PDB file of N, CA and C in Angstrom:
ATOM      1  N   MET A   1     -34.938-177.074 107.028  1.00  0.00           N
ATOM      2  CA  MET A   1     -34.277-175.476 107.488  1.00  0.00           C
ATOM      3  C   MET A   1     -35.472-174.435 107.981  1.00  0.00           C
ATOM      4  N   THR A   2     -34.962-173.446 108.212  1.00  0.00           N
ATOM      5  CA  THR A   2     -35.839-172.855 109.156  1.00  0.00           C
ATOM      6  C   THR A   2     -36.408-171.547 108.176  1.00  0.00           C
ATOM      7  N   ARG A   3     -37.688-171.035 108.644  1.00  0.00           N
ATOM      8  CA  ARG A   3     -37.965-169.932 107.677  1.00  0.00           C
ATOM      9  C   ARG A   3     -37.439-168.950 107.996  1.00  0.00           C
ATOM     10  N   ILE A   4     -37.331-167.481 107.583  1.00  0.00           N
ATOM     11  CA  ILE A   4     -37.017-166.519 107.928  1.00  0.00           C
ATOM     12  C   ILE A   4     -37.551-165.774 108.806  1.00  0.00           C
ATOM     13  N   THR A   5     -36.906-164.928 109.434  1.00  0.00           N
ATOM     14  CA  THR A   5     -37.685-164.316 110.639  1.00  0.00           C
ATOM     15  C   THR A   5     -37.431-162.392 110.313  1.00  0.00           C
ATOM     16  N   ARG A   6     -38.442-161.633 110.866  1.00  0.00           N
ATOM     17  CA  ARG A   6     -38.086-160.217 110.750  1.00  0.00           C
ATOM     18  C   ARG A   6     -36.774-159.766 110.731  1.00  0.00           C
ATOM     19  N   ASP A   7     -35.820-160.372 111.932  1.00  0.00           N
ATOM     20  CA  ASP A   7     -34.700-159.968 112.062  1.00  0.00           C
ATOM     21  C   ASP A   7     -33.847-160.257 110.501  1.00  0.00           C
ATOM     22  N   ASP A   8     -33.981-161.499 110.290  1.00  0.00           N
ATOM     23  CA  ASP A   8     -33.225-161.917 108.935  1.00  0.00           C
ATOM     24  C   ASP A   8     -33.809-161.190 107.524  1.00  0.00           C
ATOM     25  N   VAL A   9     -34.755-160.600 107.646  1.00  0.00           N
ATOM     26  CA  VAL A   9     -35.169-159.532 106.611  1.00  0.00           C
ATOM     27  C   VAL A   9     -34.755-158.602 106.788  1.00  0.00           C
ATOM     28  N   THR A  10     -34.525-157.655 108.132  1.00  0.00           N
ATOM     29  CA  THR A  10     -34.496-156.456 108.319  1.00  0.00           C
ATOM     30  C   THR A  10     -32.831-156.490 107.818  1.00  0.00           C
ATOM     31  N   ARG A  11     -32.071-157.535 108.227  1.00  0.00           N
ATOM     32  CA  ARG A  11     -30.466-157.503 107.902  1.00  0.00           C
ATOM     33  C   ARG A  11     -30.082-157.571 106.490  1.00  0.00           C
ATOM     34  N   ALA A  12     -30.957-158.352 105.907  1.00  0.00           N
ATOM     35  CA  ALA A  12     -30.612-158.602 104.243  1.00  0.00           C
ATOM     36  C   ALA A  12     -31.591-157.509 103.490  1.00  0.00           C
ATOM     37  N   VAL A  13     -32.434-156.943 103.655  1.00  0.00           N
ATOM     38  CA  VAL A  13     -33.291-155.516 103.246  1.00  0.00           C
ATOM     39  C   VAL A  13     -33.391-154.607 104.045  1.00  0.00           C
ATOM     40  N   SER A  14     -32.505-153.614 104.132  1.00  0.00           N
ATOM     41  CA  SER A  14     -32.770-152.563 105.132  1.00  0.00           C
ATOM     42  C   SER A  14     -33.713-151.980 104.846  1.00  0.00           C
ATOM     43  N   GLN A  15     -34.142-151.458 103.803  1.00  0.00           N
ATOM     44  CA  GLN A  15     -34.676-150.602 103.422  1.00  0.00           C
ATOM     45  C   GLN A  15     -36.151-151.031 103.228  1.00  0.00           C
ATOM     46  N   ALA A  16     -36.620-151.922 103.694  1.00  0.00           N
ATOM     47  CA  ALA A  16     -38.004-153.052 103.583  1.00  0.00           C
ATOM     48  C   ALA A  16     -38.785-152.194 104.724  1.00  0.00           C
ATOM     49  N   ASP A  17     -39.965-152.178 104.339  1.00  0.00           N
ATOM     50  CA  ASP A  17     -40.986-151.412 105.158  1.00  0.00           C
ATOM     51  C   ASP A  17     -41.427-152.651 105.729  1.00  0.00           C
ATOM     52  N   ASP A  18     -42.656-152.409 106.989  1.00  0.00           N
ATOM     53  CA  ASP A  18     -43.147-153.310 107.590  1.00  0.00           C
ATOM     54  C   ASP A  18     -44.175-154.316 106.552  1.00  0.00           C
ATOM     55  N   ILE A  19     -44.966-153.751 105.592  1.00  0.00           N
ATOM     56  CA  ILE A  19     -45.525-154.611 104.681  1.00  0.00           C
ATOM     57  C   ILE A  19     -44.859-155.774 103.575  1.00  0.00           C
ATOM     58  N   THR A  20     -43.688-154.706 103.217  1.00  0.00           N
ATOM     59  CA  THR A  20     -42.783-155.809 102.379  1.00  0.00           C
ATOM     60  C   THR A  20     -42.062-156.565 103.226  1.00  0.00           C
ATOM     61  N   ILE A  21     -41.604-156.252 104.741  1.00  0.00           N
ATOM     62  CA  ILE A  21     -41.012-157.695 105.479  1.00  0.00           C
ATOM     63  C   ILE A  21     -42.401-158.448 105.848  1.00  0.00           C
ATOM     64  N   ALA A  22     -43.373-158.381 105.876  1.00  0.00           N
ATOM     65  CA  ALA A  22     -44.306-159.246 105.823  1.00  0.00           C
ATOM     66  C   ALA A  22     -44.711-159.914 104.743  1.00  0.00           C
ATOM     67  N   ARG A  23     -44.610-159.426 103.770  1.00  0.00           N
ATOM     68  CA  ARG A  23     -44.944-159.922 102.369  1.00  0.00           C
ATOM     69  C   ARG A  23     -43.757-161.085 102.492  1.00  0.00           C
ATOM     70  N   ILE A  24     -42.515-161.267 102.409  1.00  0.00           N
ATOM     71  CA  ILE A  24     -41.071-161.646 102.548  1.00  0.00           C
ATOM     72  C   ILE A  24     -41.699-163.008 103.281  1.00  0.00           C
ATOM     73  N   ILE A  25     -41.955-162.469 104.578  1.00  0.00           N
ATOM     74  CA  ILE A  25     -42.197-163.970 105.209  1.00  0.00           C
ATOM     75  C   ILE A  25     -42.909-164.762 105.349  1.00  0.00           C
ATOM     76  N   ALA A  26     -44.188-163.775 104.717  1.00  0.00           N
ATOM     77  CA  ALA A  26     -45.305-164.511 104.174  1.00  0.00           C
ATOM     78  C   ALA A  26     -45.114-165.685 102.849  1.00  0.00           C
ATOM     79  N   THR A  27     -43.896-165.131 102.496  1.00  0.00           N
ATOM     80  CA  THR A  27     -43.560-166.560 101.339  1.00  0.00           C
ATOM     81  C   THR A  27     -43.184-168.039 101.888  1.00  0.00           C
ATOM     82  N   GLY A  28     -42.577-167.790 103.216  1.00  0.00           N
ATOM     83  CA  GLY A  28     -42.336-168.925 103.592  1.00  0.00           C
ATOM     84  C   GLY A  28     -40.968-169.477 103.476  1.00  0.00           C
ATOM     85  N   ALA A  29     -40.301-168.401 102.735  1.00  0.00           N
ATOM     86  CA  ALA A  29     -39.022-168.819 102.280  1.00  0.00           C
ATOM     87  C   ALA A  29     -37.677-168.764 103.515  1.00  0.00           C
ATOM     88  N   THR A  30     -36.673-169.709 102.973  1.00  0.00           N
ATOM     89  CA  THR A  30     -35.584-169.533 104.229  1.00  0.00           C
ATOM     90  C   THR A  30     -34.583-169.014 103.936  1.00  0.00           C
ATOM     91  N   VAL A  31     -33.444-168.472 104.954  1.00  0.00           N
ATOM     92  CA  VAL A  31     -32.635-167.460 104.787  1.00  0.00           C
ATOM     93  C   VAL A  31     -31.813-167.625 103.496  1.00  0.00           C
ATOM     94  N   ASP A  32     -31.622-168.850 103.074  1.00  0.00           N
ATOM     95  CA  ASP A  32     -30.623-169.061 101.873  1.00  0.00           C
ATOM     96  C   ASP A  32     -31.533-168.957 100.447  1.00  0.00           C
ATOM     97  N   GLU A  33     -32.876-169.286 100.886  1.00  0.00           N
ATOM     98  CA  GLU A  33     -33.582-168.974  99.390  1.00  0.00           C
ATOM     99  C   GLU A  33     -33.847-167.416  99.426  1.00  0.00           C
ATOM    100  N   LEU A  34     -33.731-166.357 100.246  1.00  0.00           N
ATOM    101  CA  LEU A  34     -33.614-165.056 100.152  1.00  0.00           C
ATOM    102  C   LEU A  34     -32.128-164.534 100.019  1.00  0.00           C
ATOM    103  N   ALA A  35     -30.792-165.330 100.327  1.00  0.00           N
ATOM    104  CA  ALA A  35     -30.002-164.723  99.509  1.00  0.00           C
ATOM    105  C   ALA A  35     -29.295-165.146  98.357  1.00  0.00           C
ATOM    106  N   GLU A  36     -30.487-166.737  97.523  1.00  0.00           N
ATOM    107  CA  GLU A  36     -30.501-166.857  96.088  1.00  0.00           C
ATOM    108  C   GLU A  36     -31.066-165.860  95.458  1.00  0.00           C
ATOM    109  N   ALA A  37     -32.064-165.248  96.036  1.00  0.00           N
ATOM    110  CA  ALA A  37     -32.730-163.981  95.517  1.00  0.00           C
ATOM    111  C   ALA A  37     -32.357-162.852  95.138  1.00  0.00           C
ATOM    112  N   GLN A  38     -31.685-162.571  96.073  1.00  0.00           N
ATOM    113  CA  GLN A  38     -30.795-161.579  96.268  1.00  0.00           C
ATOM    114  C   GLN A  38     -29.503-161.468  95.238  1.00  0.00           C
ATOM    115  N   ALA A  39     -29.074-162.725  95.098  1.00  0.00           N
ATOM    116  CA  ALA A  39     -28.159-163.200  94.096  1.00  0.00           C
ATOM    117  C   ALA A  39     -28.271-163.077  92.822  1.00  0.00           C
ATOM    118  N   TRP A  40     -29.648-163.334  92.461  1.00  0.00           N
ATOM    119  CA  TRP A  40     -30.274-163.417  91.099  1.00  0.00           C
ATOM    120  C   TRP A  40     -30.251-161.621  90.672  1.00  0.00           C
ATOM    121  N   LEU A  41     -30.944-160.904  91.685  1.00  0.00           N
ATOM    122  CA  LEU A  41     -31.007-159.420  91.643  1.00  0.00           C
ATOM    123  C   LEU A  41     -29.876-158.908  91.336  1.00  0.00           C
ATOM    124  N   ALA A  42     -28.851-159.381  92.072  1.00  0.00           N
ATOM    125  CA  ALA A  42     -27.401-158.832  91.876  1.00  0.00           C
ATOM    126  C   ALA A  42     -26.540-158.665  90.642  1.00  0.00           C
ATOM    127  N   ASN A  43     -26.921-159.725  89.853  1.00  0.00           N
ATOM    128  CA  ASN A  43     -26.297-160.202  88.851  1.00  0.00           C
ATOM    129  C   ASN A  43     -26.795-161.328  88.305  1.00  0.00           C
ATOM    130  N   ASP A  44     -27.681-161.716  87.400  1.00  0.00           N
ATOM    131  CA  ASP A  44     -28.547-163.251  87.075  1.00  0.00           C
ATOM    132  C   ASP A  44     -27.455-163.834  85.911  1.00  0.00           C
ATOM    133  N   GLU A  45     -26.389-162.940  85.450  1.00  0.00           N
ATOM    134  CA  GLU A  45     -25.794-163.799  84.379  1.00  0.00           C
ATOM    135  C   GLU A  45     -24.723-164.824  84.850  1.00  0.00           C
ATOM    136  N   PRO A  46     -23.923-164.712  85.802  1.00  0.00           N
ATOM    137  CA  PRO A  46     -23.107-165.569  86.581  1.00  0.00           C
ATOM    138  C   PRO A  46     -23.932-167.063  86.958  1.00  0.00           C
ATOM    139  N   LEU A  47     -25.136-166.696  87.106  1.00  0.00           N
ATOM    140  CA  LEU A  47     -25.898-168.013  87.532  1.00  0.00           C
ATOM    141  C   LEU A  47     -26.228-168.692  86.758  1.00  0.00           C
ATOM    142  N   LEU A  48     -26.877-167.948  85.105  1.00  0.00           N
ATOM    143  CA  LEU A  48     -27.159-168.725  84.159  1.00  0.00           C
ATOM    144  C   LEU A  48     -25.961-169.248  83.580  1.00  0.00           C
ATOM    145  N   ASN A  49     -24.721-168.745  83.401  1.00  0.00           N
ATOM    146  CA  ASN A  49     -23.734-169.019  83.082  1.00  0.00           C
ATOM    147  C   ASN A  49     -22.976-170.523  83.507  1.00  0.00           C
ATOM    148  N   ALA A  50     -23.650-170.691  84.941  1.00  0.00           N
ATOM    149  CA  ALA A  50     -23.338-171.784  85.852  1.00  0.00           C
ATOM    150  C   ALA A  50     -24.408-173.035  85.778  1.00  0.00           C
ATOM    151  N   GLY A  51     -25.474-172.504  84.611  1.00  0.00           N
ATOM    152  CA  GLY A  51     -26.103-174.380  84.420  1.00  0.00           C
ATOM    153  C   GLY A  51     -27.450-173.579  85.066  1.00  0.00           C
ATOM    154  N   ARG A  52     -27.449-172.624  86.077  1.00  0.00           N
ATOM    155  CA  ARG A  52     -28.693-172.604  86.906  1.00  0.00           C
ATOM    156  C   ARG A  52     -29.781-172.080  86.375  1.00  0.00           C
ATOM    157  N   PRO A  53     -31.030-172.671  86.522  1.00  0.00           N
ATOM    158  CA  PRO A  53     -32.328-172.688  85.824  1.00  0.00           C
ATOM    159  C   PRO A  53     -32.885-171.346  86.575  1.00  0.00           C
ATOM    160  N   LEU A  54     -33.711-170.895  85.870  1.00  0.00           N
ATOM    161  CA  LEU A  54     -34.488-169.220  86.264  1.00  0.00           C
ATOM    162  C   LEU A  54     -34.917-169.526  87.469  1.00  0.00           C
ATOM    163  N   ALA A  55     -35.063-168.464  88.295  1.00  0.00           N
ATOM    164  CA  ALA A  55     -35.591-168.724  89.677  1.00  0.00           C
ATOM    165  C   ALA A  55     -37.264-169.203  89.595  1.00  0.00           C
ATOM    166  N   THR A  56     -37.599-169.848  90.491  1.00  0.00           N
ATOM    167  CA  THR A  56     -38.870-170.453  90.610  1.00  0.00           C
ATOM    168  C   THR A  56     -39.227-170.404  91.870  1.00  0.00           C
ATOM    169  N   GLY A  57     -41.009-170.816  92.110  1.00  0.00           N
ATOM    170  CA  GLY A  57     -41.269-171.074  93.600  1.00  0.00           C
ATOM    171  C   GLY A  57     -40.938-169.797  94.209  1.00  0.00           C
ATOM    172  N   ARG A  58     -40.531-169.813  95.686  1.00  0.00           N
ATOM    173  CA  ARG A  58     -40.438-168.790  96.630  1.00  0.00           C
ATOM    174  C   ARG A  58     -39.397-168.051  96.431  1.00  0.00           C
ATOM    175  N   VAL A  59     -37.930-168.565  95.809  1.00  0.00           N
ATOM    176  CA  VAL A  59     -37.322-167.787  95.151  1.00  0.00           C
ATOM    177  C   VAL A  59     -37.812-166.867  94.102  1.00  0.00           C
ATOM    178  N   ARG A  60     -38.322-166.929  93.388  1.00  0.00           N
ATOM    179  CA  ARG A  60     -38.908-165.998  92.309  1.00  0.00           C
ATOM    180  C   ARG A  60     -39.555-165.143  93.031  1.00  0.00           C
ATOM    181  N   ASP A  61     -40.839-165.499  94.060  1.00  0.00           N
ATOM    182  CA  ASP A  61     -41.462-164.573  94.446  1.00  0.00           C
ATOM    183  C   ASP A  61     -40.979-163.741  95.381  1.00  0.00           C
ATOM    184  N   LEU A  62     -39.650-164.420  95.937  1.00  0.00           N
ATOM    185  CA  LEU A  62     -38.841-163.065  96.807  1.00  0.00           C
ATOM    186  C   LEU A  62     -38.099-162.009  95.437  1.00  0.00           C
ATOM    187  N   VAL A  63     -37.848-162.782  94.619  1.00  0.00           N
ATOM    188  CA  VAL A  63     -37.129-161.435  93.212  1.00  0.00           C
ATOM    189  C   VAL A  63     -38.210-160.816  93.077  1.00  0.00           C
ATOM    190  N   ASP A  64     -39.531-161.204  92.820  1.00  0.00           N
ATOM    191  CA  ASP A  64     -40.386-159.975  92.460  1.00  0.00           C
ATOM    192  C   ASP A  64     -40.707-159.009  93.479  1.00  0.00           C
ATOM    193  N   ILE A  65     -40.505-159.581  94.859  1.00  0.00           N
ATOM    194  CA  ILE A  65     -40.844-158.273  95.760  1.00  0.00           C
ATOM    195  C   ILE A  65     -39.560-157.753  95.866  1.00  0.00           C
ATOM    196  N   LEU A  66     -38.171-158.352  96.254  1.00  0.00           N
ATOM    197  CA  LEU A  66     -37.531-157.186  96.156  1.00  0.00           C
ATOM    198  C   LEU A  66     -36.588-156.542  94.904  1.00  0.00           C
ATOM    199  N   SER A  67     -37.555-156.690  93.716  1.00  0.00           N
ATOM    200  CA  SER A  67     -37.173-156.073  92.732  1.00  0.00           C
ATOM    201  C   SER A  67     -37.671-154.647  92.590  1.00  0.00           C
ATOM    202  N   GLU A  68     -38.776-154.616  93.777  1.00  0.00           N
ATOM    203  CA  GLU A  68     -39.832-153.249  93.645  1.00  0.00           C
ATOM    204  C   GLU A  68     -38.629-152.259  94.571  1.00  0.00           C
ATOM    205  N   PHE A  69     -37.367-152.954  95.010  1.00  0.00           N
ATOM    206  CA  PHE A  69     -36.370-151.822  95.664  1.00  0.00           C
ATOM    207  C   PHE A  69     -35.360-151.743  94.628  1.00  0.00           C
ATOM    208  N   GLU A  70     -35.367-152.069  93.124  1.00  0.00           N
ATOM    209  CA  GLU A  70     -34.014-151.985  92.338  1.00  0.00           C
ATOM    210  C   GLU A  70     -34.746-150.852  91.634  1.00  0.00           C
ATOM    211  N   PRO A  71     -33.960-149.563  91.515  1.00  0.00           N
ATOM    212  CA  PRO A  71     -34.040-148.646  90.867  1.00  0.00           C
ATOM    213  C   PRO A  71     -34.861-148.725  89.092  1.00  0.00           C
ATOM    214  N   SER A  72     -35.782-147.970  88.707  1.00  0.00           N
ATOM    215  CA  SER A  72     -36.273-148.529  87.493  1.00  0.00           C
ATOM    216  C   SER A  72     -35.186-147.837  86.235  1.00  0.00           C
ATOM    217  N   GLU A  73     -35.170-147.818  85.171  1.00  0.00           N
ATOM    218  CA  GLU A  73     -34.683-146.968  84.114  1.00  0.00           C
ATOM    219  C   GLU A  73     -35.075-145.762  84.090  1.00  0.00           C
ATOM    220  N   GLU A  74     -36.406-145.400  84.272  1.00  0.00           N
ATOM    221  CA  GLU A  74     -36.922-144.017  84.474  1.00  0.00           C
ATOM    222  C   GLU A  74     -36.060-143.511  85.423  1.00  0.00           C
ATOM    223  N   ASP A  75     -35.846-144.001  86.585  1.00  0.00           N
ATOM    224  CA  ASP A  75     -34.829-143.530  87.761  1.00  0.00           C
ATOM    225  C   ASP A  75     -33.548-143.248  87.550  1.00  0.00           C
ATOM    226  N   ASP A  76     -32.844-144.120  86.177  1.00  0.00           N
ATOM    227  CA  ASP A  76     -31.516-143.732  86.213  1.00  0.00           C
ATOM    228  C   ASP A  76     -31.293-142.697  84.832  1.00  0.00           C
ATOM    229  N   ALA A  77     -32.477-142.484  84.252  1.00  0.00           N
ATOM    230  CA  ALA A  77     -32.567-141.492  83.330  1.00  0.00           C
ATOM    231  C   ALA A  77     -32.173-139.922  83.956  1.00  0.00           C
ATOM    232  N   GLY A  78     -32.424-139.788  85.056  1.00  0.00           N
ATOM    233  CA  GLY A  78     -32.500-138.590  85.731  1.00  0.00           C
ATOM    234  C   GLY A  78     -33.579-137.601  85.509  1.00  0.00           C
ATOM    235  N   PRO A  79     -33.742-136.292  85.858  1.00  0.00           N
ATOM    236  CA  PRO A  79     -34.818-135.739  85.869  1.00  0.00           C
ATOM    237  C   PRO A  79     -35.238-135.453  84.316  1.00  0.00           C
ATOM    238  N   ALA A  80     -36.588-134.853  84.000  1.00  0.00           N
ATOM    239  CA  ALA A  80     -36.704-135.061  82.349  1.00  0.00           C
ATOM    240  C   ALA A  80     -36.406-133.390  82.180  1.00  0.00           C
ATOM    241  N   VAL A  81     -35.709-133.005  81.011  1.00  0.00           N
ATOM    242  CA  VAL A  81     -35.416-131.717  80.784  1.00  0.00           C
ATOM    243  C   VAL A  81     -36.511-131.367  79.610  1.00  0.00           C
ATOM    244  N   THR A  82     -36.824-130.064  80.267  1.00  0.00           N
ATOM    245  CA  THR A  82     -37.726-129.324  79.415  1.00  0.00           C
ATOM    246  C   THR A  82     -37.336-127.738  78.988  1.00  0.00           C
ATOM    247  N   THR A  83     -37.746-127.314  77.818  1.00  0.00           N
ATOM    248  CA  THR A  83     -37.138-126.415  77.442  1.00  0.00           C
ATOM    249  C   THR A  83     -38.263-125.293  77.166  1.00  0.00           C
ATOM    250  N   GLN A  84     -38.222-123.713  77.522  1.00  0.00           N
ATOM    251  CA  GLN A  84     -39.290-123.162  76.987  1.00  0.00           C
ATOM    252  C   GLN A  84     -38.650-122.088  76.143  1.00  0.00           C
ATOM    253  N   GLU A  85     -39.499-121.786  74.932  1.00  0.00           N
ATOM    254  CA  GLU A  85     -39.333-121.471  73.691  1.00  0.00           C
ATOM    255  C   GLU A  85     -40.051-119.992  73.792  1.00  0.00           C
TER     256      GLU A  85
END
């Protein structure tokens, strides 16, 4: 299998900056592994229900890197509301 290229990464992760692209390429992952990491991030439940083990190795590394682009629960909560008395 062929390792991912910069073009592969920018097609798959359009919001990635140069440092993130370099980190993803440095994992030595393949396009298939990048796709699997994205599938884990999109929805891990069907993969677990299909009996797939949790992501490990390069796929796990990619999940960790790509998860930085996922909105956190704090982002979902919206702005903090303050009241003045």
